[in-house]
Amino acid sequence: MGLVNIDDALHDQLRRASGLTCRSINAQATYWMRIGMLAELNPTLTFNEILAREMQAAGVEAGAPGEWAVGC
C-alpha cells in the first residue's frame, strides 16, 4: 500500500463525489482508478457496458425499479 499525491482540485472533486456516492474519499478514488483502468483496457466499451460487465461478474442482479432505494 502506498500514497498517491494528487492536486488539491482533484481532491476536492473526490471529496464532493464521495459524499454523493456514499463512499469514503479513498473508496471513490479507487473506484475512479478501477473504472479508468478498465476503460483503457477496453477502449471499445462505453462506461455503462463496463459497469454492466463488472456487475455481472460480481453476481449483481438488477431488481425492479420499485425495489430501488436512493441514499446512504
C-alpha atoms as a PDB file:
ATOM      1  CA  MET A   1       0.000   0.000   0.000  1.00  0.00           C
ATOM      2  CA  GLY A   2       1.330   3.409  -0.841  1.00  0.00           C
ATOM      3  CA  LEU A   3       0.470   7.046  -1.012  1.00  0.00           C
ATOM      4  CA  VAL A   4      -0.779   8.829  -4.107  1.00  0.00           C
ATOM      5  CA  ASN A   5      -0.120  12.537  -4.443  1.00  0.00           C
ATOM      6  CA  ILE A   6      -2.979  14.364  -6.156  1.00  0.00           C
ATOM      7  CA  ASP A   7      -3.579  18.072  -6.569  1.00  0.00           C
ATOM      8  CA  ASP A   8      -5.986  19.971  -4.355  1.00  0.00           C
ATOM      9  CA  ALA A   9      -8.612  20.484  -7.080  1.00  0.00           C
ATOM     10  CA  LEU A  10      -8.890  16.750  -7.768  1.00  0.00           C
ATOM     11  CA  HIS A  11      -9.007  16.018  -4.041  1.00  0.00           C
ATOM     12  CA  ASP A  12     -11.892  18.474  -3.722  1.00  0.00           C
ATOM     13  CA  GLN A  13     -13.737  16.686  -6.533  1.00  0.00           C
ATOM     14  CA  LEU A  14     -13.090  13.334  -4.817  1.00  0.00           C
ATOM     15  CA  ARG A  15     -14.483  14.689  -1.552  1.00  0.00           C
ATOM     16  CA  ARG A  16     -17.619  16.006  -3.255  1.00  0.00           C
ATOM     17  CA  ALA A  17     -18.196  12.820  -5.283  1.00  0.00           C
ATOM     18  CA  SER A  18     -17.615  10.586  -2.260  1.00  0.00           C
ATOM     19  CA  GLY A  19     -20.397  12.352  -0.358  1.00  0.00           C
ATOM     20  CA  LEU A  20     -22.788  11.922  -3.249  1.00  0.00           C
ATOM     21  CA  THR A  21     -21.967   8.234  -3.781  1.00  0.00           C
ATOM     22  CA  CYS A  22     -21.788   7.304  -0.078  1.00  0.00           C
ATOM     23  CA  ARG A  23     -18.152   6.233  -0.380  1.00  0.00           C
ATOM     24  CA  SER A  24     -15.086   7.262   1.547  1.00  0.00           C
ATOM     25  CA  ILE A  25     -12.673   9.532  -0.315  1.00  0.00           C
ATOM     26  CA  ASN A  26     -10.282   6.570  -0.684  1.00  0.00           C
ATOM     27  CA  ALA A  27     -13.065   4.301  -1.972  1.00  0.00           C
ATOM     28  CA  GLN A  28     -14.114   6.958  -4.508  1.00  0.00           C
ATOM     29  CA  ALA A  29     -10.527   7.340  -5.735  1.00  0.00           C
ATOM     30  CA  THR A  30     -10.192   3.560  -6.005  1.00  0.00           C
ATOM     31  CA  TYR A  31     -13.444   3.371  -7.966  1.00  0.00           C
ATOM     32  CA  TRP A  32     -12.347   6.071 -10.410  1.00  0.00           C
ATOM     33  CA  MET A  33      -8.950   4.399 -10.863  1.00  0.00           C
ATOM     34  CA  ARG A  34     -10.501   0.981 -11.439  1.00  0.00           C
ATOM     35  CA  ILE A  35     -13.014   2.305 -13.980  1.00  0.00           C
ATOM     36  CA  GLY A  36     -10.252   4.258 -15.712  1.00  0.00           C
ATOM     37  CA  MET A  37      -8.055   1.165 -15.899  1.00  0.00           C
ATOM     38  CA  LEU A  38     -10.913  -0.914 -17.289  1.00  0.00           C
ATOM     39  CA  ALA A  39     -11.704   1.807 -19.840  1.00  0.00           C
ATOM     40  CA  GLU A  40      -8.081   1.807 -21.031  1.00  0.00           C
ATOM     41  CA  LEU A  41      -8.080  -1.991 -21.280  1.00  0.00           C
ATOM     42  CA  ASN A  42     -11.439  -1.999 -23.123  1.00  0.00           C
ATOM     43  CA  PRO A  43     -11.431   1.119 -25.315  1.00  0.00           C
ATOM     44  CA  THR A  44     -14.403  -0.003 -27.417  1.00  0.00           C
ATOM     45  CA  LEU A  45     -16.750  -0.319 -24.418  1.00  0.00           C
ATOM     46  CA  THR A  46     -18.846   2.507 -23.008  1.00  0.00           C
ATOM     47  CA  PHE A  47     -18.889   3.298 -19.299  1.00  0.00           C
ATOM     48  CA  ASN A  48     -22.293   1.608 -18.990  1.00  0.00           C
ATOM     49  CA  GLU A  49     -21.024  -1.532 -20.736  1.00  0.00           C
ATOM     50  CA  ILE A  50     -18.003  -1.676 -18.433  1.00  0.00           C
ATOM     51  CA  LEU A  51     -20.214  -1.223 -15.386  1.00  0.00           C
ATOM     52  CA  ALA A  52     -22.682  -3.881 -16.590  1.00  0.00           C
ATOM     53  CA  ARG A  53     -19.849  -6.390 -17.106  1.00  0.00           C
ATOM     54  CA  GLU A  54     -18.430  -5.685 -13.656  1.00  0.00           C
ATOM     55  CA  MET A  55     -21.862  -6.029 -12.038  1.00  0.00           C
ATOM     56  CA  GLN A  56     -22.497  -9.289 -13.869  1.00  0.00           C
ATOM     57  CA  ALA A  57     -19.069 -10.630 -12.876  1.00  0.00           C
ATOM     58  CA  ALA A  58     -19.876  -9.781  -9.253  1.00  0.00           C
ATOM     59  CA  GLY A  59     -23.214 -11.591  -9.468  1.00  0.00           C
ATOM     60  CA  VAL A  60     -25.296  -8.439  -9.028  1.00  0.00           C
ATOM     61  CA  GLU A  61     -28.821  -8.701 -10.415  1.00  0.00           C
ATOM     62  CA  ALA A  62     -30.928  -5.613 -11.052  1.00  0.00           C
ATOM     63  CA  GLY A  63     -34.272  -5.618  -9.302  1.00  0.00           C
ATOM     64  CA  ALA A  64     -37.447  -3.999 -10.489  1.00  0.00           C
ATOM     65  CA  PRO A  65     -37.324  -0.165 -10.408  1.00  0.00           C
ATOM     66  CA  GLY A  66     -39.786  -0.105  -7.494  1.00  0.00           C
ATOM     67  CA  GLU A  67     -37.252  -2.021  -5.395  1.00  0.00           C
ATOM     68  CA  TRP A  68     -34.547   0.624  -5.801  1.00  0.00           C
ATOM     69  CA  ALA A  69     -33.749   2.989  -2.983  1.00  0.00           C
ATOM     70  CA  VAL A  70     -31.569   6.061  -3.214  1.00  0.00           C
ATOM     71  CA  GLY A  71     -29.456   7.283  -0.343  1.00  0.00           C
ATOM     72  CA  CYS A  72     -26.762   6.155   2.041  1.00  0.00           C
END
